[in-house]
């Protein structure tokens, strides 16, 4: 799996942290979140991204061969 540099024990990322990890813009993240492409979690009004879900999503985006 991919090593995502987060604070020790941190399970959920803010949208800014997710943008930094994925190296995409906030607009890109929100569009992909709204379409359901990138999994997210709503806690009240807050949107958070699971580190494990982002790792799986990154793996699923890989193309090309061995």
N, C-alpha and C. Protein backbone atom coordinates (compact mmCIF):
# COMPACT_ATOMS: atom_id res chain seq x y z
N UNK A 1 0.83 -1.20 0.00
CA UNK A 1 0.00 0.00 0.00
C UNK A 1 0.87 1.25 0.00
N UNK A 2 0.26 2.34 -0.31
CA UNK A 2 0.93 3.62 -0.39
C UNK A 2 1.04 4.23 1.00
N UNK A 3 2.19 4.78 1.29
CA UNK A 3 2.38 5.44 2.58
C UNK A 3 1.91 6.89 2.46
N UNK A 4 0.84 7.21 3.14
CA UNK A 4 0.34 8.58 3.15
C UNK A 4 0.83 9.22 4.44
N UNK A 5 1.59 10.29 4.30
CA UNK A 5 2.18 10.94 5.48
C UNK A 5 1.15 11.71 6.28
N UNK A 6 0.65 11.10 7.32
CA UNK A 6 -0.29 11.77 8.21
C UNK A 6 0.23 11.67 9.63
N UNK A 7 -0.39 12.41 10.50
CA UNK A 7 -0.04 12.32 11.92
C UNK A 7 -0.30 10.90 12.40
N UNK A 8 0.50 10.47 13.30
CA UNK A 8 0.38 9.11 13.83
C UNK A 8 -1.03 8.86 14.36
N UNK A 9 -1.65 7.80 13.86
CA UNK A 9 -2.96 7.42 14.34
C UNK A 9 -4.12 8.17 13.71
N UNK A 10 -3.84 9.12 12.84
CA UNK A 10 -4.91 9.90 12.23
C UNK A 10 -5.64 9.04 11.21
N UNK A 11 -6.97 8.91 11.38
CA UNK A 11 -7.78 8.09 10.49
C UNK A 11 -8.49 8.89 9.42
N UNK A 12 -8.82 10.15 9.73
CA UNK A 12 -9.58 10.98 8.81
C UNK A 12 -8.81 12.25 8.48
N UNK A 13 -8.97 12.68 7.23
CA UNK A 13 -8.31 13.90 6.75
C UNK A 13 -9.34 14.96 6.43
N UNK A 14 -8.97 16.22 6.61
CA UNK A 14 -9.80 17.33 6.15
C UNK A 14 -9.68 17.42 4.63
N UNK A 15 -10.49 18.24 4.02
CA UNK A 15 -10.40 18.39 2.56
C UNK A 15 -9.05 18.97 2.16
N UNK A 16 -8.53 19.91 2.94
CA UNK A 16 -7.22 20.48 2.62
C UNK A 16 -6.13 19.41 2.69
N UNK A 17 -6.17 18.60 3.73
CA UNK A 17 -5.19 17.52 3.86
C UNK A 17 -5.32 16.52 2.71
N UNK A 18 -6.56 16.19 2.35
CA UNK A 18 -6.78 15.25 1.24
C UNK A 18 -6.24 15.84 -0.07
N UNK A 19 -6.45 17.13 -0.29
CA UNK A 19 -5.91 17.79 -1.49
C UNK A 19 -4.39 17.70 -1.51
N UNK A 20 -3.78 17.94 -0.37
CA UNK A 20 -2.32 17.88 -0.26
C UNK A 20 -1.82 16.47 -0.55
N UNK A 21 -2.46 15.48 0.03
CA UNK A 21 -2.05 14.09 -0.16
C UNK A 21 -2.22 13.66 -1.62
N UNK A 22 -3.35 14.02 -2.22
CA UNK A 22 -3.64 13.61 -3.59
C UNK A 22 -2.99 14.52 -4.63
N UNK A 23 -2.49 15.66 -4.17
CA UNK A 23 -1.88 16.66 -5.03
C UNK A 23 -2.83 17.11 -6.13
N UNK A 24 -4.06 17.44 -5.71
CA UNK A 24 -5.07 17.97 -6.62
C UNK A 24 -5.66 19.23 -6.00
N UNK A 25 -6.35 20.00 -6.81
CA UNK A 25 -6.96 21.24 -6.33
C UNK A 25 -8.22 20.94 -5.51
N UNK A 26 -8.64 21.90 -4.72
CA UNK A 26 -9.87 21.76 -3.95
C UNK A 26 -11.06 21.58 -4.89
N UNK A 27 -11.07 22.30 -5.99
CA UNK A 27 -12.16 22.19 -6.97
C UNK A 27 -12.25 20.77 -7.53
N UNK A 28 -11.10 20.20 -7.85
CA UNK A 28 -11.04 18.84 -8.36
C UNK A 28 -11.54 17.85 -7.30
N UNK A 29 -11.09 18.03 -6.07
CA UNK A 29 -11.52 17.14 -4.98
C UNK A 29 -13.03 17.22 -4.78
N UNK A 30 -13.56 18.44 -4.73
CA UNK A 30 -15.01 18.59 -4.50
C UNK A 30 -15.81 18.00 -5.64
N UNK A 31 -15.37 18.17 -6.86
CA UNK A 31 -16.07 17.59 -8.00
C UNK A 31 -16.10 16.07 -7.94
N UNK A 32 -14.95 15.49 -7.62
CA UNK A 32 -14.86 14.03 -7.54
C UNK A 32 -15.60 13.49 -6.32
N UNK A 33 -15.65 14.29 -5.24
CA UNK A 33 -16.41 13.90 -4.06
C UNK A 33 -17.91 13.94 -4.36
N UNK A 34 -18.36 15.02 -5.00
CA UNK A 34 -19.78 15.18 -5.32
C UNK A 34 -20.28 14.09 -6.26
N UNK A 35 -19.41 13.63 -7.17
CA UNK A 35 -19.81 12.59 -8.12
C UNK A 35 -19.74 11.19 -7.50
N UNK A 36 -19.15 11.09 -6.30
CA UNK A 36 -19.02 9.81 -5.64
C UNK A 36 -17.76 9.05 -6.04
N UNK A 37 -16.94 9.65 -6.88
CA UNK A 37 -15.71 9.00 -7.33
C UNK A 37 -14.72 8.83 -6.17
N UNK A 38 -14.55 9.87 -5.37
CA UNK A 38 -13.68 9.79 -4.20
C UNK A 38 -14.58 9.63 -2.98
N UNK A 39 -14.38 8.54 -2.21
CA UNK A 39 -15.23 8.32 -1.04
C UNK A 39 -14.98 9.34 0.06
N UNK A 40 -16.06 9.72 0.72
CA UNK A 40 -15.95 10.70 1.81
C UNK A 40 -16.94 10.32 2.91
N UNK A 41 -16.80 11.00 4.02
CA UNK A 41 -17.63 10.76 5.19
C UNK A 41 -18.13 12.10 5.69
N UNK A 42 -19.44 12.21 5.94
CA UNK A 42 -19.99 13.44 6.51
C UNK A 42 -20.20 13.23 8.00
N UNK A 43 -19.67 14.17 8.77
CA UNK A 43 -19.88 14.18 10.22
C UNK A 43 -20.53 15.53 10.51
N UNK A 44 -21.83 15.52 10.64
CA UNK A 44 -22.56 16.78 10.75
C UNK A 44 -22.38 17.55 9.45
N UNK A 45 -21.85 18.76 9.54
CA UNK A 45 -21.59 19.57 8.34
C UNK A 45 -20.19 19.36 7.79
N UNK A 46 -19.36 18.62 8.49
CA UNK A 46 -17.97 18.42 8.09
C UNK A 46 -17.84 17.26 7.10
N UNK A 47 -16.96 17.41 6.15
CA UNK A 47 -16.63 16.32 5.21
C UNK A 47 -15.22 15.88 5.53
N UNK A 48 -15.05 14.59 5.69
CA UNK A 48 -13.73 14.03 5.99
C UNK A 48 -13.45 12.87 5.04
N UNK A 49 -12.17 12.56 4.90
CA UNK A 49 -11.71 11.53 3.98
C UNK A 49 -10.91 10.50 4.75
N UNK A 50 -11.28 9.24 4.64
CA UNK A 50 -10.58 8.17 5.32
C UNK A 50 -9.25 7.90 4.62
N UNK A 51 -8.20 7.79 5.40
CA UNK A 51 -6.87 7.50 4.86
C UNK A 51 -6.92 6.18 4.09
N UNK A 52 -7.56 5.16 4.66
CA UNK A 52 -7.65 3.85 4.00
C UNK A 52 -8.43 3.93 2.70
N UNK A 53 -9.54 4.69 2.68
CA UNK A 53 -10.33 4.85 1.45
C UNK A 53 -9.51 5.55 0.37
N UNK A 54 -8.75 6.56 0.76
CA UNK A 54 -7.92 7.27 -0.22
C UNK A 54 -6.83 6.35 -0.78
N UNK A 55 -6.24 5.53 0.06
CA UNK A 55 -5.24 4.57 -0.42
C UNK A 55 -5.84 3.62 -1.43
N UNK A 56 -7.04 3.09 -1.12
CA UNK A 56 -7.71 2.18 -2.06
C UNK A 56 -8.06 2.90 -3.36
N UNK A 57 -8.52 4.16 -3.25
CA UNK A 57 -8.88 4.91 -4.45
C UNK A 57 -7.65 5.13 -5.32
N UNK A 58 -6.53 5.48 -4.71
CA UNK A 58 -5.29 5.69 -5.46
C UNK A 58 -4.90 4.40 -6.19
N UNK A 59 -4.95 3.28 -5.49
CA UNK A 59 -4.61 1.99 -6.10
C UNK A 59 -5.52 1.69 -7.29
N UNK A 60 -6.81 2.02 -7.16
CA UNK A 60 -7.77 1.73 -8.24
C UNK A 60 -7.54 2.62 -9.47
N UNK A 61 -6.85 3.72 -9.31
CA UNK A 61 -6.62 4.64 -10.41
C UNK A 61 -5.39 4.27 -11.25
N UNK A 62 -4.60 3.34 -10.76
CA UNK A 62 -3.37 2.97 -11.48
C UNK A 62 -3.73 2.33 -12.81
N UNK A 63 -2.97 2.70 -13.82
CA UNK A 63 -3.13 2.14 -15.15
C UNK A 63 -1.78 1.66 -15.64
N UNK A 64 -1.79 0.82 -16.60
CA UNK A 64 -0.51 0.37 -17.13
C UNK A 64 -0.13 -0.95 -16.52
N UNK A 65 0.98 -1.42 -16.96
CA UNK A 65 1.32 -2.77 -16.55
C UNK A 65 2.64 -2.91 -15.86
N UNK A 66 2.83 -4.11 -15.53
CA UNK A 66 3.97 -4.52 -14.76
C UNK A 66 5.22 -4.58 -15.59
